[in-house]
């Protein structure tokens, strides 16, 4: 069994907590850490559960500096996932590969998922398996699924043959080209693509057991009992894995209080998770900025920098390494300082004028500023439903 997760350096403590939880129930598992960053200095105990560290430079992605620059941090960590499946299969001969987001804890053995892969090539978990009834839950959960994807790609298991391999090759290609958080354009990183998977591939197991991928978005229909951390029961079935999605942003706590009041053991589990991540270096390593968040001169790369670059083929052709700010006469950073802000303003004005009268431009600017602030928070804390 091969298992991996994908992170930047600040998520190393969470990834370590995940890896140790996997090794606890499957000591034979081979755990790969995909790191889109440099390896940080940390306590060796945080690294003991990782069998292999795969740096983004090792993945066969053409024009890597340009490709990385186009992605915000959350987009980057999801965009590499399909290629990582391919790499692990090719380099290690892996036939069955499990992916888990770093903010997941595996509490039970994965035998039932392995059995699902005996019969099917792909295993997915929907965000919800029971329709909600109250309007608040419908808005929080079902409408959110319509925006971000039916299936939660914090988990994916694939048998790398037949349709499993075909699915990964298709998905990896889409992620290399279009793994962006642009909900208004029908995209949400790696997740919305997989809404198409059941139409393209029929060898899929949809895991509808309440014990899989438990998170605040499905607690309206799942009750937890038992003892934290490893003896939790969900609707009468032993928990297999729990997803602390939205933890850093504070959303996890808010939604747990809204939908998990009937399950006090989950609050105990949350306290255990905080302590476990602290043991593994969260208070120090968790604050390390990503190397791809700055230009070579130390100036921060903003969302505006990335969005303008990725929508302009001429800029990508002119600046193959947009991080390199060493040459004032030939760097994206210096070009942007001279021209980029005006280009962004011009693009915004053109888009608004196409659909709205002049006074609406001011409203659009305020909406854009609010969106950019939200995007910055997302980049710091992780995206919705990831």
Protein backbone atom coordinates (compact mmCIF):
# COMPACT_ATOMS: atom_id res chain seq x y z
CA UNK A 1 0.00 0.00 0.00
CA UNK A 2 1.35 3.40 -1.03
CA UNK A 3 -0.01 6.53 0.64
CA UNK A 4 0.86 10.18 0.01
CA UNK A 5 -0.07 13.74 0.85
CA UNK A 6 0.83 17.08 -0.73
CA UNK A 7 1.98 20.15 1.22
CA UNK A 8 4.12 23.23 1.54
CA UNK A 9 6.54 23.44 4.48
CA UNK A 10 4.13 25.01 6.97
CA UNK A 11 1.87 21.95 6.78
CA UNK A 12 4.64 19.52 7.75
CA UNK A 13 3.39 18.97 11.34
CA UNK A 14 -0.10 18.13 10.05
CA UNK A 15 1.33 15.83 7.38
CA UNK A 16 3.43 14.13 10.07
CA UNK A 17 0.34 13.61 12.24
CA UNK A 18 -1.39 12.04 9.25
CA UNK A 19 1.58 9.82 8.39
CA UNK A 20 1.93 8.58 11.96
CA UNK A 21 -1.81 7.82 12.06
CA UNK A 22 -1.51 5.77 8.86
CA UNK A 23 1.52 3.87 10.19
CA UNK A 24 -0.32 3.14 13.43
CA UNK A 25 -2.97 1.06 11.62
CA UNK A 26 -0.89 0.02 8.58
CA UNK A 27 2.78 -0.26 9.59
CA UNK A 28 3.46 -1.86 6.21
CA UNK A 29 2.27 1.23 4.32
CA UNK A 30 4.83 3.21 2.30
CA UNK A 31 4.22 6.90 2.94
CA UNK A 32 5.31 9.56 0.43
CA UNK A 33 5.45 13.28 1.22
CA UNK A 34 5.05 15.52 -1.84
CA UNK A 35 6.63 18.86 -0.94
CA UNK A 36 6.14 21.96 -3.09
CA UNK A 37 8.67 23.89 -1.07
CA UNK A 38 12.07 23.45 0.53
CA UNK A 39 12.41 21.05 3.47
CA UNK A 40 12.32 23.06 6.70
CA UNK A 41 14.48 22.53 9.76
CA UNK A 42 12.38 20.56 12.22
CA UNK A 43 12.46 17.98 14.97
CA UNK A 44 13.47 14.59 13.46
CA UNK A 45 10.40 13.01 15.08
CA UNK A 46 8.28 14.90 12.55
CA UNK A 47 9.97 13.02 9.71
CA UNK A 48 10.12 9.45 10.98
CA UNK A 49 6.82 8.33 9.40
CA UNK A 50 7.80 9.55 5.90
CA UNK A 51 9.41 6.86 3.78
CA UNK A 52 10.05 9.13 0.80
CA UNK A 53 10.07 12.89 0.27
CA UNK A 54 9.23 13.92 -3.30
CA UNK A 55 10.21 17.51 -4.08
CA UNK A 56 8.24 19.30 -6.76
CA UNK A 57 11.43 19.54 -8.86
CA UNK A 58 11.33 15.75 -9.24
CA UNK A 59 7.92 15.74 -10.89
CA UNK A 60 7.89 15.73 -14.71
CA UNK A 61 6.21 19.12 -15.14
CA UNK A 62 7.47 21.24 -18.09
CA UNK A 63 8.48 24.89 -17.57
CA UNK A 64 8.33 24.38 -13.82
CA UNK A 65 9.08 27.92 -12.51
CA UNK A 66 6.47 29.42 -14.83
CA UNK A 67 3.95 26.69 -13.97
CA UNK A 68 4.45 27.12 -10.22
CA UNK A 69 4.13 30.90 -10.42
CA UNK A 70 0.67 30.67 -12.01
CA UNK A 71 -0.70 28.92 -8.92
CA UNK A 72 -1.57 30.29 -5.53
CA UNK A 73 -0.30 28.07 -2.72
CA UNK A 74 -3.46 25.99 -2.23
CA UNK A 75 -3.82 25.63 -6.00
CA UNK A 76 -0.21 24.45 -6.23
CA UNK A 77 -0.56 21.72 -3.63
CA UNK A 78 -3.60 20.33 -5.43
CA UNK A 79 -2.27 20.80 -8.97
CA UNK A 80 0.61 18.36 -8.35
CA UNK A 81 -1.58 15.52 -7.09
CA UNK A 82 -2.32 13.80 -10.41
CA UNK A 83 1.32 13.98 -11.51
CA UNK A 84 2.35 12.62 -8.10
CA UNK A 85 0.12 9.56 -8.63
CA UNK A 86 1.90 8.99 -11.97
CA UNK A 87 5.35 9.52 -10.43
CA UNK A 88 4.79 7.15 -7.50
CA UNK A 89 3.45 4.46 -9.83
CA UNK A 90 6.38 4.84 -12.24
CA UNK A 91 9.22 5.13 -9.72
CA UNK A 92 8.01 2.70 -7.06
CA UNK A 93 5.90 0.28 -9.07
CA UNK A 94 2.90 1.15 -6.92
CA UNK A 95 -0.29 -0.63 -7.96
CA UNK A 96 -2.58 0.86 -5.32
CA UNK A 97 -2.16 4.45 -4.20
CA UNK A 98 -4.11 6.28 -1.51
CA UNK A 99 -4.11 10.07 -1.25
CA UNK A 100 -5.09 11.91 1.95
CA UNK A 101 -5.08 15.65 2.61
CA UNK A 102 -2.58 16.57 5.33
CA UNK A 103 -5.36 17.70 7.68
CA UNK A 104 -6.78 14.16 7.94
CA UNK A 105 -6.25 11.61 10.70
CA UNK A 106 -6.69 7.92 9.90
CA UNK A 107 -8.12 6.15 12.93
CA UNK A 108 -9.02 2.73 11.53
CA UNK A 109 -7.63 0.24 9.05
CA UNK A 110 -8.27 0.84 5.37
CA UNK A 111 -9.17 -2.76 4.58
CA UNK A 112 -12.70 -1.91 3.44
CA UNK A 113 -11.29 0.58 0.94
CA UNK A 114 -8.80 -2.00 -0.27
CA UNK A 115 -11.70 -4.39 -0.81
CA UNK A 116 -13.47 -1.69 -2.81
CA UNK A 117 -10.35 -1.48 -5.00
CA UNK A 118 -10.54 -5.26 -5.53
CA UNK A 119 -13.80 -4.68 -7.36
CA UNK A 120 -13.26 -1.18 -8.76
CA UNK A 121 -10.36 0.91 -10.02
CA UNK A 122 -11.24 4.20 -8.31
CA UNK A 123 -12.67 5.02 -4.86
CA UNK A 124 -14.28 8.39 -4.09
CA UNK A 125 -16.10 9.87 -1.10
CA UNK A 126 -18.99 12.34 -1.59
CA UNK A 127 -19.20 15.34 0.71
CA UNK A 128 -22.73 14.24 1.64
CA UNK A 129 -24.40 10.86 1.54
CA UNK A 130 -27.80 11.90 3.01
CA UNK A 131 -29.87 14.92 1.89
CA UNK A 132 -30.02 17.77 4.39
CA UNK A 133 -33.41 19.11 5.52
CA UNK A 134 -32.97 22.50 7.23
CA UNK A 135 -32.32 25.49 4.98
CA UNK A 136 -29.17 26.50 6.86
CA UNK A 137 -27.65 23.04 6.31
CA UNK A 138 -28.75 23.02 2.68
CA UNK A 139 -26.98 26.33 2.12
CA UNK A 140 -23.88 25.37 4.11
CA UNK A 141 -23.53 21.88 2.67
CA UNK A 142 -25.48 21.12 -0.49
CA UNK A 143 -25.13 24.53 -2.14
CA UNK A 144 -21.46 24.53 -1.18
CA UNK A 145 -21.09 21.17 -2.95
CA UNK A 146 -22.64 22.64 -6.07
CA UNK A 147 -19.92 25.28 -6.02
CA UNK A 148 -16.91 23.24 -4.93
CA UNK A 149 -17.62 19.69 -6.10
CA UNK A 150 -19.71 16.66 -5.21
CA UNK A 151 -16.73 14.53 -4.17
CA UNK A 152 -14.16 15.57 -1.60
CA UNK A 153 -10.68 15.15 -3.06
CA UNK A 154 -9.11 15.22 0.36
CA UNK A 155 -9.25 11.48 -0.24
CA UNK A 156 -8.72 9.42 -3.37
CA UNK A 157 -7.72 5.78 -3.83
CA UNK A 158 -6.80 4.30 -7.20
CA UNK A 159 -5.73 0.94 -8.55
CA UNK A 160 -3.21 2.00 -11.17
CA UNK A 161 -4.36 -0.18 -14.03
CA UNK A 162 -7.21 -0.14 -16.54
CA UNK A 163 -9.64 2.67 -15.89
CA UNK A 164 -7.74 3.67 -12.76
CA UNK A 165 -4.71 4.56 -14.82
CA UNK A 166 -6.86 6.19 -17.50
CA UNK A 167 -8.58 8.30 -14.85
CA UNK A 168 -5.29 9.45 -13.31
CA UNK A 169 -3.79 10.33 -16.70
CA UNK A 170 -6.90 12.38 -17.58
CA UNK A 171 -7.08 14.07 -14.18
CA UNK A 172 -3.35 14.83 -14.06
CA UNK A 173 -3.51 16.50 -17.47
CA UNK A 174 -6.43 18.67 -16.38
CA UNK A 175 -4.67 19.65 -13.18
CA UNK A 176 -1.48 20.63 -14.94
CA UNK A 177 -3.50 22.91 -17.22
CA UNK A 178 -6.47 24.13 -15.17
CA UNK A 179 -6.18 23.60 -11.42
CA UNK A 180 -7.40 27.00 -10.28
CA UNK A 181 -9.74 28.30 -7.61
CA UNK A 182 -12.08 30.13 -9.99
CA UNK A 183 -15.53 29.08 -8.84
CA UNK A 184 -17.22 31.65 -11.08
CA UNK A 185 -15.60 29.93 -14.07
CA UNK A 186 -16.68 26.45 -12.99
CA UNK A 187 -13.30 25.53 -11.50
CA UNK A 188 -12.35 24.64 -7.95
CA UNK A 189 -8.79 23.31 -7.96
CA UNK A 190 -8.73 19.52 -8.44
CA UNK A 191 -12.24 18.88 -7.15
CA UNK A 192 -14.74 20.07 -9.75
CA UNK A 193 -13.01 18.01 -12.45
CA UNK A 194 -13.94 14.82 -10.65
CA UNK A 195 -17.65 15.65 -10.91
CA UNK A 196 -17.15 14.47 -14.51
CA UNK A 197 -15.45 11.22 -13.55
CA UNK A 198 -18.59 9.02 -13.19
CA UNK A 199 -19.64 10.10 -16.69
CA UNK A 200 -16.24 9.23 -18.20
CA UNK A 201 -15.38 6.12 -16.15
CA UNK A 202 -17.71 3.44 -14.85
CA UNK A 203 -15.23 1.50 -12.72
CA UNK A 204 -15.75 3.73 -9.68
CA UNK A 205 -16.63 2.82 -6.09
CA UNK A 206 -18.47 5.64 -4.34
CA UNK A 207 -17.90 5.05 -0.62
CA UNK A 208 -21.17 5.92 1.10
CA UNK A 209 -20.33 4.60 4.55
CA UNK A 210 -20.65 7.25 7.28
CA UNK A 211 -17.25 6.21 8.68
CA UNK A 212 -15.30 7.66 5.73
CA UNK A 213 -14.14 11.28 5.38
CA UNK A 214 -16.11 12.59 8.32
CA UNK A 215 -15.98 16.39 8.46
CA UNK A 216 -18.08 19.35 9.52
CA UNK A 217 -19.85 19.42 6.14
CA UNK A 218 -21.53 16.05 6.81
CA UNK A 219 -22.02 16.16 10.59
CA UNK A 220 -25.64 17.24 10.18
CA UNK A 221 -26.34 13.57 9.40
CA UNK A 222 -23.56 11.81 11.33
CA UNK A 223 -23.34 11.37 15.08
CA UNK A 224 -20.11 10.50 16.84
CA UNK A 225 -19.82 8.54 20.07
CA UNK A 226 -17.01 6.63 21.78
CA UNK A 227 -13.61 7.92 22.87
CA UNK A 228 -11.05 10.15 21.13
CA UNK A 229 -8.82 9.74 19.31
CA UNK A 230 -8.90 6.12 18.14
CA UNK A 231 -12.18 4.68 19.38
CA UNK A 232 -14.73 6.98 17.80
CA UNK A 233 -17.91 5.50 16.33
CA UNK A 234 -19.92 7.24 13.60
CA UNK A 235 -23.59 6.22 13.33
CA UNK A 236 -22.67 2.89 14.89
CA UNK A 237 -19.60 2.21 12.70
CA UNK A 238 -15.95 2.60 13.74
CA UNK A 239 -14.49 5.80 12.30
CA UNK A 240 -11.94 5.19 9.53
CA UNK A 241 -10.72 8.73 8.87
CA UNK A 242 -11.62 12.24 9.95
CA UNK A 243 -10.97 15.45 8.02
CA UNK A 244 -10.08 18.65 9.92
CA UNK A 245 -10.72 20.82 6.85
CA UNK A 246 -10.81 24.57 7.49
CA UNK A 247 -8.85 24.19 10.71
CA UNK A 248 -6.40 27.09 10.34
CA UNK A 249 -8.98 29.58 9.10
CA UNK A 250 -11.25 28.93 12.09
CA UNK A 251 -14.07 27.60 9.90
CA UNK A 252 -13.70 24.08 11.30
CA UNK A 253 -14.42 25.23 14.86
CA UNK A 254 -17.37 27.39 13.81
CA UNK A 255 -19.00 24.62 11.79
CA UNK A 256 -18.23 21.98 14.43
CA UNK A 257 -20.09 24.08 16.97
CA UNK A 258 -22.98 24.46 14.50
CA UNK A 259 -23.33 20.82 13.45
CA UNK A 260 -21.40 18.76 16.02
CA UNK A 261 -23.06 19.78 19.29
CA UNK A 262 -24.60 16.28 19.50
CA UNK A 263 -21.11 14.73 19.33
CA UNK A 264 -18.94 16.03 22.22
CA UNK A 265 -16.29 13.41 21.46
CA UNK A 266 -15.41 15.38 18.32
CA UNK A 267 -14.48 18.41 20.45
CA UNK A 268 -12.19 16.11 22.46
CA UNK A 269 -10.76 14.85 19.18
CA UNK A 270 -10.12 18.42 18.08
CA UNK A 271 -8.25 19.16 21.33
CA UNK A 272 -6.16 16.01 20.81
CA UNK A 273 -5.38 17.11 17.24
CA UNK A 274 -4.19 20.54 18.39
CA UNK A 275 -1.90 18.93 20.96
CA UNK A 276 -0.60 16.36 18.45
CA UNK A 277 0.29 19.00 15.86
CA UNK A 278 1.97 21.06 18.59
CA UNK A 279 4.12 18.05 19.52
CA UNK A 280 5.21 17.82 15.89
CA UNK A 281 6.25 21.47 15.60
CA UNK A 282 3.14 23.41 14.61
CA UNK A 283 4.07 26.50 16.62
CA UNK A 284 7.34 26.96 14.72
CA UNK A 285 7.21 25.02 11.46
CA UNK A 286 3.59 26.02 10.95
CA UNK A 287 4.68 29.64 10.53
CA UNK A 288 7.26 29.06 7.79
CA UNK A 289 6.35 30.94 4.58
CA UNK A 290 6.45 29.05 1.30
CA UNK A 291 9.53 29.65 -0.83
CA UNK A 292 7.22 30.30 -3.78
CA UNK A 293 5.52 33.18 -1.99
CA UNK A 294 8.32 35.64 -2.80
CA UNK A 295 10.40 36.83 -5.74
CA UNK A 296 14.15 36.25 -5.67
CA UNK A 297 14.61 39.77 -4.22
CA UNK A 298 12.37 38.95 -1.26
CA UNK A 299 9.34 40.94 -2.42
CA UNK A 300 6.04 39.09 -1.90
CA UNK A 301 4.29 37.51 -4.86
CA UNK A 302 0.70 38.74 -4.74
CA UNK A 303 -2.47 37.25 -6.13
CA UNK A 304 -2.50 40.06 -8.71
CA UNK A 305 0.99 39.05 -9.87
CA UNK A 306 -0.13 35.47 -10.41
CA UNK A 307 -3.50 36.16 -12.04
CA UNK A 308 -2.13 38.59 -14.62
CA UNK A 309 0.74 36.25 -15.47
CA UNK A 310 -1.42 33.18 -15.96
CA UNK A 311 -3.89 34.86 -18.27
CA UNK A 312 -1.20 36.35 -20.55
CA UNK A 313 0.61 33.96 -22.92
CA UNK A 314 2.98 36.76 -23.93
CA UNK A 315 4.14 37.23 -20.34
CA UNK A 316 4.70 33.51 -19.91
CA UNK A 317 6.76 33.47 -23.09
CA UNK A 318 8.77 36.55 -22.12
CA UNK A 319 9.49 35.56 -18.50
CA UNK A 320 10.15 31.83 -18.25
CA UNK A 321 11.19 32.21 -14.61
CA UNK A 322 8.94 34.94 -13.21
CA UNK A 323 10.41 34.50 -9.71
CA UNK A 324 13.80 35.78 -10.90
CA UNK A 325 13.93 39.51 -10.15
CA UNK A 326 17.70 39.90 -10.55
CA UNK A 327 17.69 41.76 -13.88
CA UNK A 328 15.80 45.10 -13.79
CA UNK A 329 15.71 45.11 -17.58
CA UNK A 330 14.32 41.62 -18.04
CA UNK A 331 12.26 40.36 -15.13
CA UNK A 332 8.55 39.96 -14.58
CA UNK A 333 8.81 41.72 -11.22
CA UNK A 334 10.23 44.90 -12.77
CA UNK A 335 7.87 44.69 -15.76
CA UNK A 336 4.93 44.46 -13.38
CA UNK A 337 6.16 47.46 -11.37
CA UNK A 338 6.16 49.50 -14.58
CA UNK A 339 3.12 48.11 -16.39
CA UNK A 340 1.27 45.44 -14.44
CA UNK A 341 -0.87 47.55 -12.13
CA UNK A 342 -2.20 49.53 -15.06
CA UNK A 343 -2.80 46.30 -16.97
CA UNK A 344 -4.85 44.91 -14.09
CA UNK A 345 -6.91 48.11 -13.83
CA UNK A 346 -7.46 48.14 -17.59
CA UNK A 347 -8.56 44.51 -17.64
CA UNK A 348 -11.02 45.12 -14.81
CA UNK A 349 -12.45 48.19 -16.54
CA UNK A 350 -12.90 46.30 -19.82
CA UNK A 351 -14.65 43.40 -18.12
CA UNK A 352 -17.05 45.64 -16.21
CA UNK A 353 -17.81 47.92 -19.18
CA UNK A 354 -18.77 44.89 -21.23
CA UNK A 355 -21.60 44.10 -18.82
CA UNK A 356 -22.39 47.17 -16.73
CA UNK A 357 -22.65 50.97 -16.84
CA UNK A 358 -19.82 53.18 -15.59
CA UNK A 359 -21.05 53.58 -11.98
CA UNK A 360 -20.85 49.80 -11.54
CA UNK A 361 -17.08 49.96 -11.96
CA UNK A 362 -16.70 51.39 -8.48
CA UNK A 363 -18.82 48.57 -7.04
CA UNK A 364 -16.80 46.03 -8.98
CA UNK A 365 -13.58 47.45 -7.61
CA UNK A 366 -14.84 47.10 -4.06
CA UNK A 367 -15.98 43.52 -4.80
CA UNK A 368 -12.59 42.80 -6.35
CA UNK A 369 -10.77 44.16 -3.29
CA UNK A 370 -12.92 41.99 -1.03
CA UNK A 371 -12.25 38.96 -3.23
CA UNK A 372 -8.50 39.58 -3.15
CA UNK A 373 -8.57 39.82 0.63
CA UNK A 374 -10.48 36.52 0.78
CA UNK A 375 -7.97 34.98 -1.62
CA UNK A 376 -5.08 36.10 0.58
CA UNK A 377 -6.72 34.51 3.61
CA UNK A 378 -7.33 31.34 1.59
CA UNK A 379 -3.69 31.24 0.54
CA UNK A 380 -2.60 31.54 4.17
CA UNK A 381 -5.06 29.05 5.60
CA UNK A 382 -6.16 26.67 2.88
CA UNK A 383 -9.17 26.68 0.57
CA UNK A 384 -12.79 25.73 1.14
CA UNK A 385 -13.71 22.08 0.97
CA UNK A 386 -10.10 21.05 0.41
